[in-house]
């Protein structure tokens, strides 16, 4: 049996309509795509996030599944979901891992690469 090959990519966007910068409340949405590039099924069981704001304050979030689901991915399948987070600063980053099991029930961690959270304002 080969090692599962899970690819994770992320995109984030700032939600100005839900944010209150004057009150230190910056809302971000992020979309995660999880792809099974291996040759055996894998299932996501839990998540571990480290969310860091521009002041270097880190918050850890752990929980079961993602958006209420524990998706099982067959070889070649992908799973996409969107969630969100709130920061007290206009910039930050997120990274972490998904706890997963392979077809034989062996647990492994799939790394979520770091991605930025930024409220970009354009200058005219």
C-alpha atoms as a PDB file:
ATOM      1  CA  UNK A   1       0.000   0.000   0.000  1.00  0.00           C
ATOM      2  CA  UNK A   2       1.383   3.415  -0.890  1.00  0.00           C
ATOM      3  CA  UNK A   3       1.353   6.617   1.164  1.00  0.00           C
ATOM      4  CA  UNK A   4      -1.774   8.737   0.617  1.00  0.00           C
ATOM      5  CA  UNK A   5      -1.115  11.844  -1.475  1.00  0.00           C
ATOM      6  CA  UNK A   6      -3.373  14.654  -0.354  1.00  0.00           C
ATOM      7  CA  UNK A   7      -2.996  18.094  -1.954  1.00  0.00           C
ATOM      8  CA  UNK A   8      -4.521  21.073  -0.174  1.00  0.00           C
ATOM      9  CA  UNK A   9      -4.878  24.546  -1.654  1.00  0.00           C
ATOM     10  CA  UNK A  10      -6.503  27.660  -0.240  1.00  0.00           C
ATOM     11  CA  UNK A  11      -7.853  31.016  -1.378  1.00  0.00           C
ATOM     12  CA  UNK A  12      -8.951  33.767   0.961  1.00  0.00           C
ATOM     13  CA  UNK A  13     -10.895  36.969   0.529  1.00  0.00           C
ATOM     14  CA  UNK A  14     -11.729  39.898   2.746  1.00  0.00           C
ATOM     15  CA  UNK A  15     -15.417  40.577   3.435  1.00  0.00           C
ATOM     16  CA  UNK A  16     -15.701  44.361   3.892  1.00  0.00           C
ATOM     17  CA  UNK A  17     -19.498  44.222   4.162  1.00  0.00           C
ATOM     18  CA  UNK A  18     -19.206  42.064   7.309  1.00  0.00           C
ATOM     19  CA  UNK A  19     -16.205  43.847   8.822  1.00  0.00           C
ATOM     20  CA  UNK A  20     -15.939  46.837  11.172  1.00  0.00           C
ATOM     21  CA  UNK A  21     -12.346  48.121  10.894  1.00  0.00           C
ATOM     22  CA  UNK A  22     -13.032  50.938  13.380  1.00  0.00           C
ATOM     23  CA  UNK A  23     -13.837  48.272  15.946  1.00  0.00           C
ATOM     24  CA  UNK A  24     -10.925  45.954  15.063  1.00  0.00           C
ATOM     25  CA  UNK A  25     -13.220  43.398  13.422  1.00  0.00           C
ATOM     26  CA  UNK A  26     -11.945  42.042  10.078  1.00  0.00           C
ATOM     27  CA  UNK A  27     -13.900  39.158   8.525  1.00  0.00           C
ATOM     28  CA  UNK A  28     -12.340  36.797   5.995  1.00  0.00           C
ATOM     29  CA  UNK A  29     -13.722  33.898   3.980  1.00  0.00           C
ATOM     30  CA  UNK A  30     -11.476  31.108   2.766  1.00  0.00           C
ATOM     31  CA  UNK A  31     -12.074  28.310   0.302  1.00  0.00           C
ATOM     32  CA  UNK A  32     -10.160  25.067   0.707  1.00  0.00           C
ATOM     33  CA  UNK A  33      -9.729  22.425  -1.997  1.00  0.00           C
ATOM     34  CA  UNK A  34      -8.610  18.961  -0.863  1.00  0.00           C
ATOM     35  CA  UNK A  35      -7.524  16.592  -3.636  1.00  0.00           C
ATOM     36  CA  UNK A  36      -6.680  12.906  -3.330  1.00  0.00           C
ATOM     37  CA  UNK A  37      -3.782  12.407  -5.748  1.00  0.00           C
ATOM     38  CA  UNK A  38      -2.954   8.991  -4.337  1.00  0.00           C
ATOM     39  CA  UNK A  39      -4.166   5.535  -5.289  1.00  0.00           C
ATOM     40  CA  UNK A  40      -6.240   4.767  -2.195  1.00  0.00           C
ATOM     41  CA  UNK A  41      -9.177   6.354  -0.414  1.00  0.00           C
ATOM     42  CA  UNK A  42      -8.683   8.697   2.521  1.00  0.00           C
ATOM     43  CA  UNK A  43     -11.133  10.287   4.965  1.00  0.00           C
ATOM     44  CA  UNK A  44     -10.819  13.597   6.803  1.00  0.00           C
ATOM     45  CA  UNK A  45     -11.585  13.211  10.514  1.00  0.00           C
ATOM     46  CA  UNK A  46     -10.530  16.451  12.190  1.00  0.00           C
ATOM     47  CA  UNK A  47      -8.832  19.804  11.726  1.00  0.00           C
ATOM     48  CA  UNK A  48      -6.162  21.832  13.485  1.00  0.00           C
ATOM     49  CA  UNK A  49      -5.736  25.498  12.532  1.00  0.00           C
ATOM     50  CA  UNK A  50      -3.254  28.092  13.707  1.00  0.00           C
ATOM     51  CA  UNK A  51      -4.573  31.574  12.937  1.00  0.00           C
ATOM     52  CA  UNK A  52      -2.107  34.430  13.461  1.00  0.00           C
ATOM     53  CA  UNK A  53      -2.904  38.132  13.375  1.00  0.00           C
ATOM     54  CA  UNK A  54      -0.599  41.001  12.341  1.00  0.00           C
ATOM     55  CA  UNK A  55       0.504  41.484  15.972  1.00  0.00           C
ATOM     56  CA  UNK A  56       1.791  37.898  16.113  1.00  0.00           C
ATOM     57  CA  UNK A  57      -1.021  36.629  18.340  1.00  0.00           C
ATOM     58  CA  UNK A  58      -1.833  33.019  17.443  1.00  0.00           C
ATOM     59  CA  UNK A  59      -5.118  31.232  18.039  1.00  0.00           C
ATOM     60  CA  UNK A  60      -5.404  27.463  17.764  1.00  0.00           C
ATOM     61  CA  UNK A  61      -8.640  25.878  16.583  1.00  0.00           C
ATOM     62  CA  UNK A  62      -9.285  22.145  16.741  1.00  0.00           C
ATOM     63  CA  UNK A  63     -12.457  20.320  15.839  1.00  0.00           C
ATOM     64  CA  UNK A  64     -14.128  17.395  14.176  1.00  0.00           C
ATOM     65  CA  UNK A  65     -14.422  17.469  10.394  1.00  0.00           C
ATOM     66  CA  UNK A  66     -14.910  20.595   8.291  1.00  0.00           C
ATOM     67  CA  UNK A  67     -18.193  22.519   7.957  1.00  0.00           C
ATOM     68  CA  UNK A  68     -19.960  19.646   9.700  1.00  0.00           C
ATOM     69  CA  UNK A  69     -18.639  16.951   7.375  1.00  0.00           C
ATOM     70  CA  UNK A  70     -15.946  14.269   7.396  1.00  0.00           C
ATOM     71  CA  UNK A  71     -15.470  13.764   3.665  1.00  0.00           C
ATOM     72  CA  UNK A  72     -14.099  10.519   2.238  1.00  0.00           C
ATOM     73  CA  UNK A  73     -12.108  11.005  -0.950  1.00  0.00           C
ATOM     74  CA  UNK A  74     -11.585   8.209  -3.405  1.00  0.00           C
ATOM     75  CA  UNK A  75      -8.479   8.367  -5.629  1.00  0.00           C
ATOM     76  CA  UNK A  76      -8.809  11.310  -8.012  1.00  0.00           C
ATOM     77  CA  UNK A  77     -11.651  12.939  -6.067  1.00  0.00           C
ATOM     78  CA  UNK A  78     -11.649  16.454  -4.662  1.00  0.00           C
ATOM     79  CA  UNK A  79     -13.621  18.166  -1.927  1.00  0.00           C
ATOM     80  CA  UNK A  80     -14.146  21.911  -1.686  1.00  0.00           C
ATOM     81  CA  UNK A  81     -15.617  24.006   1.112  1.00  0.00           C
ATOM     82  CA  UNK A  82     -15.754  27.614   2.241  1.00  0.00           C
ATOM     83  CA  UNK A  83     -15.543  28.826   5.822  1.00  0.00           C
ATOM     84  CA  UNK A  84     -14.467  31.986   7.584  1.00  0.00           C
ATOM     85  CA  UNK A  85     -12.550  33.613  10.411  1.00  0.00           C
ATOM     86  CA  UNK A  86     -12.369  36.961  12.172  1.00  0.00           C
ATOM     87  CA  UNK A  87      -9.185  38.874  13.035  1.00  0.00           C
ATOM     88  CA  UNK A  88      -8.587  41.996  15.138  1.00  0.00           C
ATOM     89  CA  UNK A  89      -6.057  43.206  12.527  1.00  0.00           C
ATOM     90  CA  UNK A  90      -6.316  43.802   8.746  1.00  0.00           C
ATOM     91  CA  UNK A  91      -3.601  41.228   8.034  1.00  0.00           C
ATOM     92  CA  UNK A  92      -2.934  37.709   9.201  1.00  0.00           C
ATOM     93  CA  UNK A  93      -2.301  34.138   8.144  1.00  0.00           C
ATOM     94  CA  UNK A  94      -3.593  30.622   8.637  1.00  0.00           C
ATOM     95  CA  UNK A  95      -2.024  27.180   8.425  1.00  0.00           C
ATOM     96  CA  UNK A  96      -2.558  23.809   9.992  1.00  0.00           C
ATOM     97  CA  UNK A  97      -3.372  20.197   9.257  1.00  0.00           C
ATOM     98  CA  UNK A  98      -6.177  17.742   8.716  1.00  0.00           C
ATOM     99  CA  UNK A  99      -6.195  14.491  10.648  1.00  0.00           C
ATOM    100  CA  UNK A 100      -7.042  11.753   8.165  1.00  0.00           C
ATOM    101  CA  UNK A 101      -7.200   7.980   7.890  1.00  0.00           C
ATOM    102  CA  UNK A 102      -6.268   5.868   4.910  1.00  0.00           C
ATOM    103  CA  UNK A 103      -8.190   2.894   3.538  1.00  0.00           C
ATOM    104  CA  UNK A 104      -6.557   0.572   6.103  1.00  0.00           C
ATOM    105  CA  UNK A 105      -7.546   2.842   8.995  1.00  0.00           C
ATOM    106  CA  UNK A 106      -4.054   4.231   9.612  1.00  0.00           C
ATOM    107  CA  UNK A 107      -4.051   7.845  10.770  1.00  0.00           C
ATOM    108  CA  UNK A 108      -1.933  10.488   9.040  1.00  0.00           C
ATOM    109  CA  UNK A 109      -1.724  14.273   8.952  1.00  0.00           C
ATOM    110  CA  UNK A 110      -2.263  16.277   5.753  1.00  0.00           C
ATOM    111  CA  UNK A 111      -0.521  19.644   5.984  1.00  0.00           C
ATOM    112  CA  UNK A 112      -2.476  22.783   5.137  1.00  0.00           C
ATOM    113  CA  UNK A 113       0.060  25.239   3.666  1.00  0.00           C
ATOM    114  CA  UNK A 114       0.096  28.760   5.109  1.00  0.00           C
ATOM    115  CA  UNK A 115      -2.008  31.347   3.321  1.00  0.00           C
ATOM    116  CA  UNK A 116      -2.511  35.031   3.983  1.00  0.00           C
ATOM    117  CA  UNK A 117      -5.547  36.939   5.138  1.00  0.00           C
ATOM    118  CA  UNK A 118      -5.394  40.525   3.911  1.00  0.00           C
ATOM    119  CA  UNK A 119      -7.864  43.390   3.699  1.00  0.00           C
ATOM    120  CA  UNK A 120      -6.436  45.212   0.702  1.00  0.00           C
ATOM    121  CA  UNK A 121      -7.689  48.688   0.068  1.00  0.00           C
ATOM    122  CA  UNK A 122      -6.937  50.140  -3.320  1.00  0.00           C
ATOM    123  CA  UNK A 123      -5.621  53.660  -3.610  1.00  0.00           C
ATOM    124  CA  UNK A 124      -7.100  55.827  -6.336  1.00  0.00           C
END
